[in-house]
């Protein structure tokens, strides 16, 4: 079952998101991202979090629309995004797409990325999507849905990623080892029509910029 998690990060072109809405079975909004949901004409199934960033107008709108609220205390160990991801898993989500999962807060970006990677160990695929950037989490293989000229960076999660192969890229890799404390597989360029990332062990975050970047 495919779930959508709407969080309160950066978005960009809202029309890009509107074209994707129909593909999701269930939709979860994290707290203040209710504003984004309303901008996109989305009535979610749940709003979750400590409700410290949702405004009263958006909250009343969601309540009147019959949306379920899962309330959590402000003093908690989990972020609202983590709570939303856990709810998606609990409700049977096996594929989860996150909107607004990256933004200006570096700490939130890192928390979201590392937290999302933990779901892969339980057979749940998560991808962060936006008009210009996709972030995938890979345990075995990924056919990158990109075009020649796109930029792709590999970030090792956990202590080590072994047996990394790249094909269809300007800088190929053959059984490479990537380690978390020295990231060097950054800013590669797609040159082939069917670029593929493969690995033997560990978890990679694959950042796919859908156009050339400086």
N, C-alpha and C. Protein backbone atom coordinates (compact mmCIF):
# COMPACT_ATOMS: atom_id res chain seq x y z
N UNK A 1 0.84 -1.18 0.00
CA UNK A 1 0.00 0.00 0.00
C UNK A 1 0.89 1.24 0.00
N UNK A 2 0.59 2.20 -0.86
CA UNK A 2 1.42 3.39 -1.00
C UNK A 2 0.86 4.54 -0.16
N UNK A 3 1.71 5.06 0.72
CA UNK A 3 1.34 6.16 1.60
C UNK A 3 2.09 7.43 1.22
N UNK A 4 1.45 8.55 1.49
CA UNK A 4 2.09 9.86 1.34
C UNK A 4 2.23 10.49 2.72
N UNK A 5 3.44 10.99 3.02
CA UNK A 5 3.68 11.74 4.24
C UNK A 5 4.04 13.17 3.84
N UNK A 6 3.25 14.12 4.31
CA UNK A 6 3.44 15.54 3.99
C UNK A 6 4.05 16.21 5.20
N UNK A 7 5.27 16.73 5.05
CA UNK A 7 5.96 17.38 6.15
C UNK A 7 6.19 18.86 5.82
N UNK A 8 6.79 19.56 6.77
CA UNK A 8 6.78 21.03 6.70
C UNK A 8 8.10 21.60 6.21
N UNK A 9 8.70 20.97 5.19
CA UNK A 9 9.96 21.47 4.65
C UNK A 9 9.76 22.27 3.38
N UNK A 10 10.79 22.24 2.51
CA UNK A 10 10.76 23.00 1.26
C UNK A 10 9.95 22.24 0.20
N UNK A 11 9.29 22.99 -0.69
CA UNK A 11 8.43 22.39 -1.71
C UNK A 11 8.79 22.82 -3.13
N UNK A 12 8.75 24.09 -3.44
CA UNK A 12 8.94 24.51 -4.83
C UNK A 12 7.61 24.51 -5.57
N UNK A 13 7.66 24.11 -6.84
CA UNK A 13 6.51 24.16 -7.74
C UNK A 13 5.38 23.26 -7.25
N UNK A 14 4.29 23.85 -6.76
CA UNK A 14 3.19 23.06 -6.20
C UNK A 14 2.44 22.27 -7.26
N UNK A 15 2.45 22.72 -8.51
CA UNK A 15 1.77 21.97 -9.57
C UNK A 15 2.41 20.61 -9.77
N UNK A 16 3.69 20.50 -9.54
CA UNK A 16 4.40 19.21 -9.66
C UNK A 16 3.78 18.20 -8.69
N UNK A 17 3.46 18.64 -7.48
CA UNK A 17 2.86 17.75 -6.48
C UNK A 17 1.42 17.41 -6.84
N UNK A 18 0.69 18.38 -7.33
CA UNK A 18 -0.71 18.14 -7.67
C UNK A 18 -0.86 17.03 -8.70
N UNK A 19 0.11 16.90 -9.58
CA UNK A 19 0.03 15.87 -10.62
C UNK A 19 0.27 14.47 -10.06
N UNK A 20 0.72 14.35 -8.81
CA UNK A 20 1.08 13.05 -8.23
C UNK A 20 0.09 12.56 -7.18
N UNK A 21 -0.89 13.36 -6.83
CA UNK A 21 -1.72 13.07 -5.66
C UNK A 21 -2.50 11.77 -5.80
N UNK A 22 -2.99 11.44 -6.98
CA UNK A 22 -3.87 10.30 -7.16
C UNK A 22 -3.21 8.94 -6.89
N UNK A 23 -1.90 8.90 -6.85
CA UNK A 23 -1.21 7.62 -6.74
C UNK A 23 -1.20 7.04 -5.33
N UNK A 24 -1.68 7.79 -4.33
CA UNK A 24 -1.54 7.37 -2.93
C UNK A 24 -2.84 6.83 -2.36
N UNK A 25 -2.73 5.74 -1.62
CA UNK A 25 -3.88 5.14 -0.96
C UNK A 25 -4.25 5.90 0.31
N UNK A 26 -3.24 6.29 1.09
CA UNK A 26 -3.46 7.00 2.35
C UNK A 26 -2.50 8.19 2.43
N UNK A 27 -2.92 9.21 3.17
CA UNK A 27 -2.12 10.44 3.29
C UNK A 27 -2.05 10.87 4.75
N UNK A 28 -0.83 11.20 5.17
CA UNK A 28 -0.57 11.62 6.54
C UNK A 28 0.10 12.99 6.51
N UNK A 29 -0.39 13.90 7.34
CA UNK A 29 0.20 15.24 7.44
C UNK A 29 0.87 15.37 8.80
N UNK A 30 2.09 15.89 8.80
CA UNK A 30 2.81 16.15 10.04
C UNK A 30 2.59 17.60 10.46
N UNK A 31 1.75 17.79 11.45
CA UNK A 31 1.58 19.07 12.14
C UNK A 31 1.36 20.26 11.21
N UNK A 32 2.30 21.23 11.20
CA UNK A 32 2.14 22.46 10.44
C UNK A 32 2.09 22.28 8.94
N UNK A 33 2.41 21.08 8.45
CA UNK A 33 2.30 20.83 7.01
C UNK A 33 0.83 20.78 6.57
N UNK A 34 -0.09 20.92 7.51
CA UNK A 34 -1.50 21.04 7.14
C UNK A 34 -1.71 22.22 6.20
N UNK A 35 -0.91 23.25 6.35
CA UNK A 35 -1.01 24.40 5.44
C UNK A 35 -0.69 23.99 4.02
N UNK A 36 0.35 23.17 3.85
CA UNK A 36 0.71 22.68 2.51
C UNK A 36 -0.40 21.79 1.95
N UNK A 37 -0.94 20.94 2.80
CA UNK A 37 -2.01 20.07 2.34
C UNK A 37 -3.18 20.89 1.81
N UNK A 38 -3.52 21.94 2.51
CA UNK A 38 -4.63 22.78 2.05
C UNK A 38 -4.29 23.47 0.74
N UNK A 39 -3.06 23.94 0.61
CA UNK A 39 -2.64 24.57 -0.65
C UNK A 39 -2.76 23.60 -1.82
N UNK A 40 -2.56 22.32 -1.54
CA UNK A 40 -2.62 21.30 -2.58
C UNK A 40 -3.99 20.64 -2.69
N UNK A 41 -4.97 21.16 -1.95
CA UNK A 41 -6.34 20.61 -1.96
C UNK A 41 -6.38 19.15 -1.54
N UNK A 42 -5.55 18.81 -0.56
CA UNK A 42 -5.49 17.45 -0.04
C UNK A 42 -6.22 17.38 1.30
N UNK A 43 -7.15 16.46 1.40
CA UNK A 43 -7.76 16.12 2.69
C UNK A 43 -7.09 14.82 3.15
N UNK A 44 -6.21 14.90 4.13
CA UNK A 44 -5.46 13.70 4.54
C UNK A 44 -6.33 12.76 5.38
N UNK A 45 -5.78 11.59 5.61
CA UNK A 45 -6.43 10.64 6.52
C UNK A 45 -6.10 10.95 7.97
N UNK A 46 -4.89 11.45 8.21
CA UNK A 46 -4.46 11.77 9.58
C UNK A 46 -3.65 13.07 9.58
N UNK A 47 -3.72 13.78 10.70
CA UNK A 47 -2.76 14.81 11.07
C UNK A 47 -2.11 14.34 12.36
N UNK A 48 -0.77 14.33 12.41
CA UNK A 48 -0.07 13.81 13.59
C UNK A 48 0.91 14.85 14.11
N UNK A 49 1.27 14.71 15.39
CA UNK A 49 2.29 15.56 15.97
C UNK A 49 1.84 16.22 17.25
N UNK A 50 2.65 17.19 17.70
CA UNK A 50 2.34 17.87 18.96
C UNK A 50 1.51 19.14 18.74
N UNK A 51 1.21 19.46 17.49
CA UNK A 51 0.35 20.59 17.12
C UNK A 51 0.93 21.93 17.57
N UNK A 52 2.26 22.03 17.54
CA UNK A 52 2.87 23.30 17.92
C UNK A 52 3.04 24.24 16.74
N UNK A 53 2.90 23.74 15.52
CA UNK A 53 3.12 24.60 14.35
C UNK A 53 1.90 24.73 13.44
N UNK A 54 0.86 23.93 13.66
CA UNK A 54 -0.36 24.07 12.87
C UNK A 54 -1.11 25.32 13.36
N UNK A 55 -1.62 26.11 12.42
CA UNK A 55 -2.39 27.27 12.88
C UNK A 55 -3.84 26.87 13.13
N UNK A 56 -4.54 27.70 13.87
CA UNK A 56 -5.89 27.36 14.31
C UNK A 56 -6.85 27.20 13.15
N UNK A 57 -6.68 28.03 12.13
CA UNK A 57 -7.58 27.97 10.97
C UNK A 57 -7.43 26.62 10.25
N UNK A 58 -6.17 26.20 10.03
CA UNK A 58 -5.94 24.91 9.35
C UNK A 58 -6.42 23.75 10.21
N UNK A 59 -6.21 23.85 11.51
CA UNK A 59 -6.65 22.76 12.39
C UNK A 59 -8.17 22.63 12.37
N UNK A 60 -8.86 23.75 12.43
CA UNK A 60 -10.32 23.70 12.41
C UNK A 60 -10.83 23.16 11.08
N UNK A 61 -10.16 23.55 9.99
CA UNK A 61 -10.55 23.04 8.67
C UNK A 61 -10.42 21.52 8.62
N UNK A 62 -9.31 20.97 9.12
CA UNK A 62 -9.09 19.53 9.10
C UNK A 62 -10.09 18.81 10.01
N UNK A 63 -10.37 19.39 11.14
CA UNK A 63 -11.36 18.78 12.04
C UNK A 63 -12.74 18.75 11.39
N UNK A 64 -13.13 19.85 10.76
CA UNK A 64 -14.44 19.91 10.10
C UNK A 64 -14.52 18.93 8.93
N UNK A 65 -13.35 18.64 8.30
CA UNK A 65 -13.34 17.70 7.17
C UNK A 65 -13.34 16.24 7.63
N UNK A 66 -13.31 16.01 8.93
CA UNK A 66 -13.35 14.65 9.45
C UNK A 66 -12.01 13.94 9.51
N UNK A 67 -10.93 14.70 9.43
CA UNK A 67 -9.59 14.11 9.48
C UNK A 67 -9.30 13.61 10.90
N UNK A 68 -8.68 12.45 11.01
CA UNK A 68 -8.28 11.91 12.32
C UNK A 68 -7.02 12.60 12.81
N UNK A 69 -6.97 12.92 14.09
CA UNK A 69 -5.80 13.54 14.70
C UNK A 69 -5.15 12.55 15.65
N UNK A 70 -3.82 12.42 15.52
CA UNK A 70 -3.05 11.64 16.49
C UNK A 70 -2.15 12.62 17.22
N UNK A 71 -2.50 12.93 18.46
CA UNK A 71 -1.84 13.98 19.22
C UNK A 71 -0.72 13.41 20.09
N UNK A 72 0.38 14.15 20.15
CA UNK A 72 1.53 13.77 20.96
C UNK A 72 1.98 14.96 21.79
N UNK A 73 2.58 14.72 22.95
CA UNK A 73 3.04 15.84 23.78
C UNK A 73 4.21 16.58 23.13
N UNK A 74 4.35 17.84 23.48
CA UNK A 74 5.45 18.64 22.93
C UNK A 74 6.80 18.09 23.38
N UNK A 75 6.86 17.61 24.62
CA UNK A 75 8.10 17.02 25.14
C UNK A 75 8.09 15.53 24.81
N UNK A 76 8.73 15.20 23.69
CA UNK A 76 8.73 13.83 23.19
C UNK A 76 10.08 13.52 22.56
N UNK A 77 10.37 12.25 22.37
CA UNK A 77 11.65 11.84 21.81
C UNK A 77 11.65 11.85 20.29
N UNK A 78 10.49 11.65 19.68
CA UNK A 78 10.40 11.54 18.22
C UNK A 78 9.99 12.86 17.59
N UNK A 79 10.47 13.09 16.36
CA UNK A 79 10.00 14.25 15.61
C UNK A 79 8.63 13.93 15.01
N UNK A 80 7.94 14.98 14.55
CA UNK A 80 6.64 14.76 13.93
C UNK A 80 6.78 13.92 12.66
N UNK A 81 7.88 14.08 11.93
CA UNK A 81 8.10 13.26 10.73
C UNK A 81 8.28 11.80 11.11
N UNK A 82 9.04 11.52 12.15
CA UNK A 82 9.21 10.14 12.60
C UNK A 82 7.88 9.53 13.02
N UNK A 83 7.06 10.31 13.70
CA UNK A 83 5.74 9.83 14.12
C UNK A 83 4.88 9.50 12.90
N UNK A 84 4.94 10.36 11.88
CA UNK A 84 4.17 10.11 10.66
C UNK A 84 4.63 8.84 9.96
N UNK A 85 5.94 8.62 9.89
CA UNK A 85 6.46 7.41 9.26
C UNK A 85 6.06 6.16 10.04
N UNK A 86 6.11 6.24 11.35
CA UNK A 86 5.71 5.09 12.18
C UNK A 86 4.22 4.78 12.01
N UNK A 87 3.41 5.83 11.89
CA UNK A 87 1.98 5.61 11.66
C UNK A 87 1.75 4.93 10.31
N UNK A 88 2.46 5.39 9.28
CA UNK A 88 2.32 4.77 7.95
C UNK A 88 2.67 3.29 8.01
N UNK A 89 3.74 2.95 8.70
CA UNK A 89 4.12 1.54 8.84
C UNK A 89 3.05 0.76 9.60
N UNK A 90 2.57 1.34 10.67
CA UNK A 90 1.58 0.66 11.50
C UNK A 90 0.27 0.39 10.74
N UNK A 91 -0.06 1.28 9.80
CA UNK A 91 -1.29 1.16 9.03
C UNK A 91 -1.12 0.35 7.75
N UNK A 92 0.04 -0.25 7.58
CA UNK A 92 0.24 -1.16 6.45
C UNK A 92 0.96 -0.56 5.26
N UNK A 93 1.54 0.62 5.41
CA UNK A 93 2.29 1.22 4.31
C UNK A 93 3.58 0.48 4.04
N UNK A 94 3.78 0.02 2.80
CA UNK A 94 5.02 -0.65 2.43
C UNK A 94 5.86 0.23 1.50
N UNK A 95 5.21 1.21 0.88
CA UNK A 95 5.90 2.22 0.09
C UNK A 95 5.44 3.58 0.61
N UNK A 96 6.40 4.41 0.98
CA UNK A 96 6.08 5.71 1.57
C UNK A 96 6.83 6.79 0.81
N UNK A 97 6.10 7.78 0.32
CA UNK A 97 6.71 8.94 -0.34
C UNK A 97 6.58 10.13 0.60
N UNK A 98 7.67 10.84 0.80
CA UNK A 98 7.70 11.97 1.72
C UNK A 98 7.85 13.26 0.92
N UNK A 99 6.95 14.19 1.15
CA UNK A 99 7.05 15.53 0.57
C UNK A 99 7.48 16.50 1.67
N UNK A 100 8.34 17.44 1.32
CA UNK A 100 8.81 18.42 2.29
C UNK A 100 9.79 17.84 3.29
N UNK A 101 10.43 16.74 2.96
CA UNK A 101 11.35 16.08 3.89
C UNK A 101 12.71 16.71 3.99
N UNK A 102 13.00 17.66 3.11
CA UNK A 102 14.25 18.41 3.18
C UNK A 102 13.91 19.90 3.20
N UNK A 103 14.83 20.70 3.73
CA UNK A 103 14.58 22.14 3.82
C UNK A 103 15.77 22.86 4.41
N UNK A 104 15.52 23.96 5.11
CA UNK A 104 16.61 24.81 5.58
C UNK A 104 17.24 24.31 6.88
N UNK A 105 16.56 23.43 7.62
CA UNK A 105 17.08 22.92 8.88
C UNK A 105 17.94 21.69 8.63
N UNK A 106 19.26 21.84 8.71
CA UNK A 106 20.17 20.73 8.46
C UNK A 106 19.94 19.60 9.46
N UNK A 107 19.67 19.94 10.72
CA UNK A 107 19.45 18.88 11.72
C UNK A 107 18.21 18.06 11.38
N UNK A 108 17.15 18.72 10.93
CA UNK A 108 15.95 17.99 10.53
C UNK A 108 16.22 17.15 9.28
N UNK A 109 16.97 17.69 8.34
CA UNK A 109 17.31 16.92 7.14
C UNK A 109 18.02 15.63 7.51
N UNK A 110 19.04 15.73 8.35
CA UNK A 110 19.80 14.55 8.75
C UNK A 110 18.94 13.57 9.54
N UNK A 111 18.13 14.10 10.45
CA UNK A 111 17.23 13.23 11.22
C UNK A 111 16.28 12.48 10.31
N UNK A 112 15.70 13.18 9.35
CA UNK A 112 14.75 12.54 8.43
C UNK A 112 15.42 11.45 7.60
N UNK A 113 16.62 11.74 7.09
CA UNK A 113 17.31 10.79 6.22
C UNK A 113 17.73 9.54 6.99
N UNK A 114 18.35 9.71 8.15
CA UNK A 114 18.79 8.55 8.91
C UNK A 114 17.60 7.76 9.45
N UNK A 115 16.55 8.46 9.86
CA UNK A 115 15.37 7.76 10.36
C UNK A 115 14.70 6.95 9.25
N UNK A 116 14.59 7.53 8.07
CA UNK A 116 13.95 6.84 6.95
C UNK A 116 14.73 5.59 6.56
N UNK A 117 16.05 5.64 6.67
CA UNK A 117 16.85 4.49 6.27
C UNK A 117 16.57 3.27 7.14
N UNK A 118 16.15 3.47 8.39
CA UNK A 118 15.91 2.35 9.29
C UNK A 118 14.72 1.50 8.83
N UNK A 119 13.78 2.10 8.09
CA UNK A 119 12.61 1.36 7.63
C UNK A 119 12.97 0.35 6.55
N UNK A 120 14.05 0.61 5.83
CA UNK A 120 14.46 -0.30 4.77
C UNK A 120 14.78 -1.68 5.32
N UNK A 121 15.30 -1.73 6.55
CA UNK A 121 15.62 -3.01 7.18
C UNK A 121 14.36 -3.85 7.43
N UNK A 122 13.21 -3.19 7.46
CA UNK A 122 11.95 -3.90 7.69
C UNK A 122 11.13 -4.06 6.41
N UNK A 123 11.80 -3.86 5.27
CA UNK A 123 11.14 -4.10 3.99
C UNK A 123 10.22 -2.99 3.54
N UNK A 124 10.41 -1.78 4.07
CA UNK A 124 9.57 -0.64 3.70
C UNK A 124 10.41 0.34 2.90
N UNK A 125 9.95 0.67 1.70
CA UNK A 125 10.67 1.60 0.84
C UNK A 125 10.18 3.02 1.07
N UNK A 126 11.12 3.92 1.31
CA UNK A 126 10.80 5.33 1.49
C UNK A 126 11.59 6.14 0.47
N UNK A 127 10.95 7.13 -0.11
CA UNK A 127 11.62 8.06 -1.02
C UNK A 127 11.17 9.46 -0.67
N UNK A 128 12.12 10.38 -0.63
CA UNK A 128 11.81 11.80 -0.47
C UNK A 128 11.71 12.39 -1.87
N UNK A 129 10.60 13.05 -2.16
CA UNK A 129 10.39 13.58 -3.50
C UNK A 129 10.13 15.08 -3.49
N UNK A 130 10.65 15.74 -4.52
CA UNK A 130 10.40 17.16 -4.78
C UNK A 130 10.65 17.39 -6.26
N UNK A 131 10.27 18.55 -6.77
CA UNK A 131 10.46 18.78 -8.21
C UNK A 131 11.90 18.65 -8.68
N UNK A 132 12.87 19.02 -7.86
CA UNK A 132 14.27 19.05 -8.28
C UNK A 132 15.13 17.95 -7.68
N UNK A 133 14.66 17.28 -6.64
CA UNK A 133 15.49 16.30 -5.93
C UNK A 133 14.67 15.12 -5.47
N UNK A 134 15.22 13.91 -5.71
CA UNK A 134 14.70 12.68 -5.11
C UNK A 134 15.79 12.08 -4.24
N UNK A 135 15.42 11.58 -3.07
CA UNK A 135 16.37 10.87 -2.21
C UNK A 135 15.83 9.45 -2.02
N UNK A 136 16.61 8.47 -2.50
CA UNK A 136 16.26 7.06 -2.41
C UNK A 136 17.12 6.39 -1.34
N UNK A 137 16.61 5.29 -0.78
CA UNK A 137 17.35 4.49 0.18
C UNK A 137 17.50 3.10 -0.40
N UNK A 138 18.75 2.66 -0.55
CA UNK A 138 19.05 1.47 -1.36
C UNK A 138 19.83 0.46 -0.53
N UNK A 139 19.36 -0.79 -0.59
CA UNK A 139 20.04 -1.88 0.10
C UNK A 139 20.70 -2.85 -0.87
N UNK A 140 20.18 -2.96 -2.08
CA UNK A 140 20.73 -3.88 -3.07
C UNK A 140 20.97 -3.20 -4.42
N UNK A 141 19.92 -2.66 -5.01
CA UNK A 141 20.05 -2.12 -6.37
C UNK A 141 19.00 -1.04 -6.62
N UNK A 142 19.39 -0.02 -7.38
CA UNK A 142 18.47 1.03 -7.80
C UNK A 142 18.76 1.40 -9.25
N UNK A 143 17.73 1.31 -10.09
CA UNK A 143 17.81 1.89 -11.42
C UNK A 143 17.36 3.35 -11.29
N UNK A 144 18.29 4.26 -11.41
CA UNK A 144 18.00 5.68 -11.18
C UNK A 144 17.15 6.21 -12.34
N UNK A 145 15.96 6.72 -12.07
CA UNK A 145 15.10 7.23 -13.15
C UNK A 145 15.51 8.63 -13.58
N UNK A 146 16.75 8.73 -14.06
CA UNK A 146 17.28 10.03 -14.45
C UNK A 146 17.64 10.10 -15.92
N UNK A 147 18.20 11.24 -16.29
CA UNK A 147 18.58 11.50 -17.68
C UNK A 147 20.03 11.94 -17.72
N UNK A 148 20.70 11.74 -18.85
CA UNK A 148 22.08 12.22 -18.97
C UNK A 148 22.19 13.69 -18.58
N UNK A 149 23.21 13.98 -17.78
CA UNK A 149 23.42 15.33 -17.29
C UNK A 149 22.96 15.54 -15.87
N UNK A 150 22.09 14.66 -15.36
CA UNK A 150 21.63 14.77 -13.97
C UNK A 150 22.78 14.47 -13.01
N UNK A 151 22.72 15.09 -11.83
CA UNK A 151 23.73 14.87 -10.80
C UNK A 151 23.22 13.87 -9.77
N UNK A 152 24.09 12.93 -9.38
CA UNK A 152 23.74 11.91 -8.40
C UNK A 152 24.87 11.80 -7.38
N UNK A 153 24.50 11.83 -6.10
CA UNK A 153 25.46 11.64 -5.02
C UNK A 153 25.08 10.44 -4.18
N UNK A 154 26.08 9.69 -3.75
CA UNK A 154 25.88 8.54 -2.88
C UNK A 154 26.38 8.88 -1.48
N UNK A 155 25.52 8.68 -0.49
CA UNK A 155 25.89 8.92 0.90
C UNK A 155 25.75 7.62 1.67
N UNK A 156 26.86 7.16 2.25
CA UNK A 156 26.84 5.92 3.03
C UNK A 156 26.14 6.17 4.36
N UNK A 157 25.23 5.26 4.71
CA UNK A 157 24.55 5.31 5.99
C UNK A 157 24.95 4.09 6.80
N UNK A 158 25.10 4.23 8.10
CA UNK A 158 25.72 3.16 8.87
C UNK A 158 27.22 3.33 8.77
N UNK A 159 27.96 2.36 9.26
CA UNK A 159 29.42 2.52 9.31
C UNK A 159 30.09 2.32 7.96
N UNK A 160 29.55 1.42 7.12
CA UNK A 160 30.24 1.07 5.88
C UNK A 160 29.26 0.49 4.87
N UNK A 161 29.50 0.82 3.59
CA UNK A 161 28.75 0.23 2.48
C UNK A 161 29.77 -0.42 1.56
N UNK A 162 29.59 -1.70 1.27
CA UNK A 162 30.59 -2.45 0.52
C UNK A 162 30.04 -2.92 -0.83
N UNK A 163 30.97 -3.16 -1.76
CA UNK A 163 30.63 -3.73 -3.05
C UNK A 163 29.79 -2.81 -3.91
N UNK A 164 30.13 -1.53 -3.92
CA UNK A 164 29.32 -0.56 -4.67
C UNK A 164 29.77 -0.53 -6.13
N UNK A 165 28.82 -0.76 -7.02
CA UNK A 165 29.05 -0.69 -8.46
C UNK A 165 28.15 0.40 -9.05
N UNK A 166 28.72 1.16 -9.98
CA UNK A 166 27.95 2.15 -10.72
C UNK A 166 28.12 1.90 -12.21
N UNK A 167 27.01 1.91 -12.94
CA UNK A 167 27.09 1.87 -14.39
C UNK A 167 26.19 2.96 -14.95
N UNK A 168 26.63 3.54 -16.07
CA UNK A 168 25.89 4.64 -16.67
C UNK A 168 26.24 5.99 -16.11
N UNK A 169 27.36 6.07 -15.39
CA UNK A 169 27.80 7.31 -14.76
C UNK A 169 29.16 7.75 -15.30
N UNK A 170 29.42 9.04 -15.19
CA UNK A 170 30.72 9.57 -15.64
C UNK A 170 31.86 8.95 -14.86
N UNK A 171 31.66 8.75 -13.55
CA UNK A 171 32.69 8.15 -12.70
C UNK A 171 32.18 6.80 -12.20
N UNK A 172 32.49 5.72 -12.91
CA UNK A 172 32.00 4.40 -12.51
C UNK A 172 32.70 3.90 -11.25
N UNK A 173 32.05 3.00 -10.53
CA UNK A 173 32.66 2.35 -9.39
C UNK A 173 32.56 0.84 -9.59
N UNK A 174 33.56 0.14 -9.07
CA UNK A 174 33.61 -1.32 -9.18
C UNK A 174 34.01 -1.89 -7.83
N UNK A 175 33.03 -2.45 -7.13
CA UNK A 175 33.25 -3.06 -5.82
C UNK A 175 33.90 -2.09 -4.84
N UNK A 176 33.45 -0.86 -4.86
CA UNK A 176 34.00 0.17 -3.98
C UNK A 176 33.42 0.04 -2.57
N UNK A 177 34.17 0.56 -1.60
CA UNK A 177 33.71 0.63 -0.22
C UNK A 177 33.55 2.09 0.18
N UNK A 178 32.38 2.43 0.68
CA UNK A 178 32.10 3.79 1.13
C UNK A 178 31.89 3.77 2.63
N UNK A 179 32.46 4.76 3.32
CA UNK A 179 32.36 4.81 4.77
C UNK A 179 31.72 6.13 5.21
N UNK A 180 30.99 6.06 6.31
CA UNK A 180 30.23 7.21 6.76
C UNK A 180 31.12 8.39 7.15
N UNK A 181 32.28 8.12 7.74
CA UNK A 181 33.10 9.21 8.25
C UNK A 181 33.98 9.87 7.19
N UNK A 182 33.87 9.42 5.91
CA UNK A 182 34.56 10.13 4.82
C UNK A 182 33.79 9.87 3.53
N UNK A 183 32.89 10.80 3.19
CA UNK A 183 32.00 10.63 2.05
C UNK A 183 32.68 11.17 0.78
N UNK A 184 32.92 10.29 -0.19
CA UNK A 184 33.65 10.74 -1.38
C UNK A 184 32.92 10.45 -2.69
N UNK A 185 31.73 9.82 -2.63
CA UNK A 185 31.01 9.49 -3.87
C UNK A 185 29.92 10.54 -4.15
N UNK A 186 30.33 11.79 -4.19
CA UNK A 186 29.42 12.92 -4.31
C UNK A 186 29.57 13.57 -5.69
N UNK A 187 28.47 14.06 -6.23
CA UNK A 187 28.46 14.84 -7.48
C UNK A 187 28.93 14.04 -8.69
N UNK A 188 28.38 12.84 -8.85
CA UNK A 188 28.59 12.09 -10.07
C UNK A 188 27.58 12.58 -11.11
N UNK A 189 27.80 12.20 -12.37
CA UNK A 189 26.95 12.66 -13.47
C UNK A 189 26.45 11.46 -14.26
N UNK A 190 25.14 11.42 -14.52
CA UNK A 190 24.60 10.39 -15.39
C UNK A 190 25.01 10.64 -16.83
N UNK A 191 25.54 9.59 -17.48
CA UNK A 191 25.90 9.72 -18.90
C UNK A 191 25.20 8.68 -19.76
N UNK A 192 24.63 7.63 -19.15
CA UNK A 192 23.95 6.58 -19.90
C UNK A 192 22.44 6.67 -19.76
N UNK A 193 21.75 5.89 -20.58
CA UNK A 193 20.29 5.91 -20.56
C UNK A 193 19.70 5.11 -19.41
N UNK A 194 20.43 4.14 -18.87
CA UNK A 194 19.91 3.28 -17.80
C UNK A 194 20.92 3.21 -16.66
N UNK A 195 21.09 4.30 -15.91
CA UNK A 195 22.07 4.29 -14.82
C UNK A 195 21.62 3.40 -13.66
N UNK A 196 22.55 2.62 -13.11
CA UNK A 196 22.22 1.67 -12.05
C UNK A 196 23.23 1.79 -10.92
N UNK A 197 22.72 1.73 -9.69
CA UNK A 197 23.54 1.66 -8.49
C UNK A 197 23.33 0.28 -7.87
N UNK A 198 24.42 -0.44 -7.61
CA UNK A 198 24.34 -1.75 -6.96
C UNK A 198 25.28 -1.76 -5.76
N UNK A 199 24.91 -2.54 -4.74
CA UNK A 199 25.78 -2.71 -3.59
C UNK A 199 25.57 -4.08 -2.99
N UNK A 200 26.58 -4.53 -2.25
CA UNK A 200 26.53 -5.87 -1.66
C UNK A 200 26.07 -5.84 -0.22
N UNK A 201 26.45 -4.80 0.53
CA UNK A 201 26.03 -4.72 1.93
C UNK A 201 25.99 -3.27 2.37
N UNK A 202 25.14 -3.01 3.37
CA UNK A 202 24.98 -1.65 3.88
C UNK A 202 23.78 -0.96 3.25
N UNK A 203 23.63 0.33 3.52
CA UNK A 203 22.54 1.14 3.00
C UNK A 203 23.10 2.44 2.46
N UNK A 204 22.66 2.79 1.26
CA UNK A 204 23.04 4.05 0.64
C UNK A 204 21.84 4.97 0.56
N UNK A 205 22.07 6.26 0.80
CA UNK A 205 21.12 7.29 0.39
C UNK A 205 21.60 7.81 -0.96
N UNK A 206 20.74 7.74 -1.95
CA UNK A 206 21.07 8.19 -3.30
C UNK A 206 20.31 9.48 -3.57
N UNK A 207 21.08 10.57 -3.72
CA UNK A 207 20.51 11.88 -4.00
C UNK A 207 20.52 12.11 -5.51
N UNK A 208 19.35 12.23 -6.10
CA UNK A 208 19.24 12.43 -7.54
C UNK A 208 18.70 13.83 -7.82
N UNK A 209 19.58 14.70 -8.30
CA UNK A 209 19.19 16.05 -8.71
C UNK A 209 18.76 15.96 -10.18
N UNK A 210 17.54 16.41 -10.45
CA UNK A 210 16.94 16.16 -11.76
C UNK A 210 17.34 17.17 -12.81
N UNK A 211 18.44 17.86 -12.57
CA UNK A 211 19.02 18.76 -13.54
C UNK A 211 20.46 19.00 -13.10
N UNK A 212 21.32 19.47 -13.97
CA UNK A 212 22.70 19.73 -13.56
C UNK A 212 22.76 20.75 -12.42
N UNK A 213 23.69 20.54 -11.49
CA UNK A 213 23.88 21.46 -10.38
C UNK A 213 25.32 21.94 -10.38
N UNK A 214 25.59 23.14 -9.85
CA UNK A 214 26.97 23.65 -9.82
C UNK A 214 27.88 22.78 -8.99
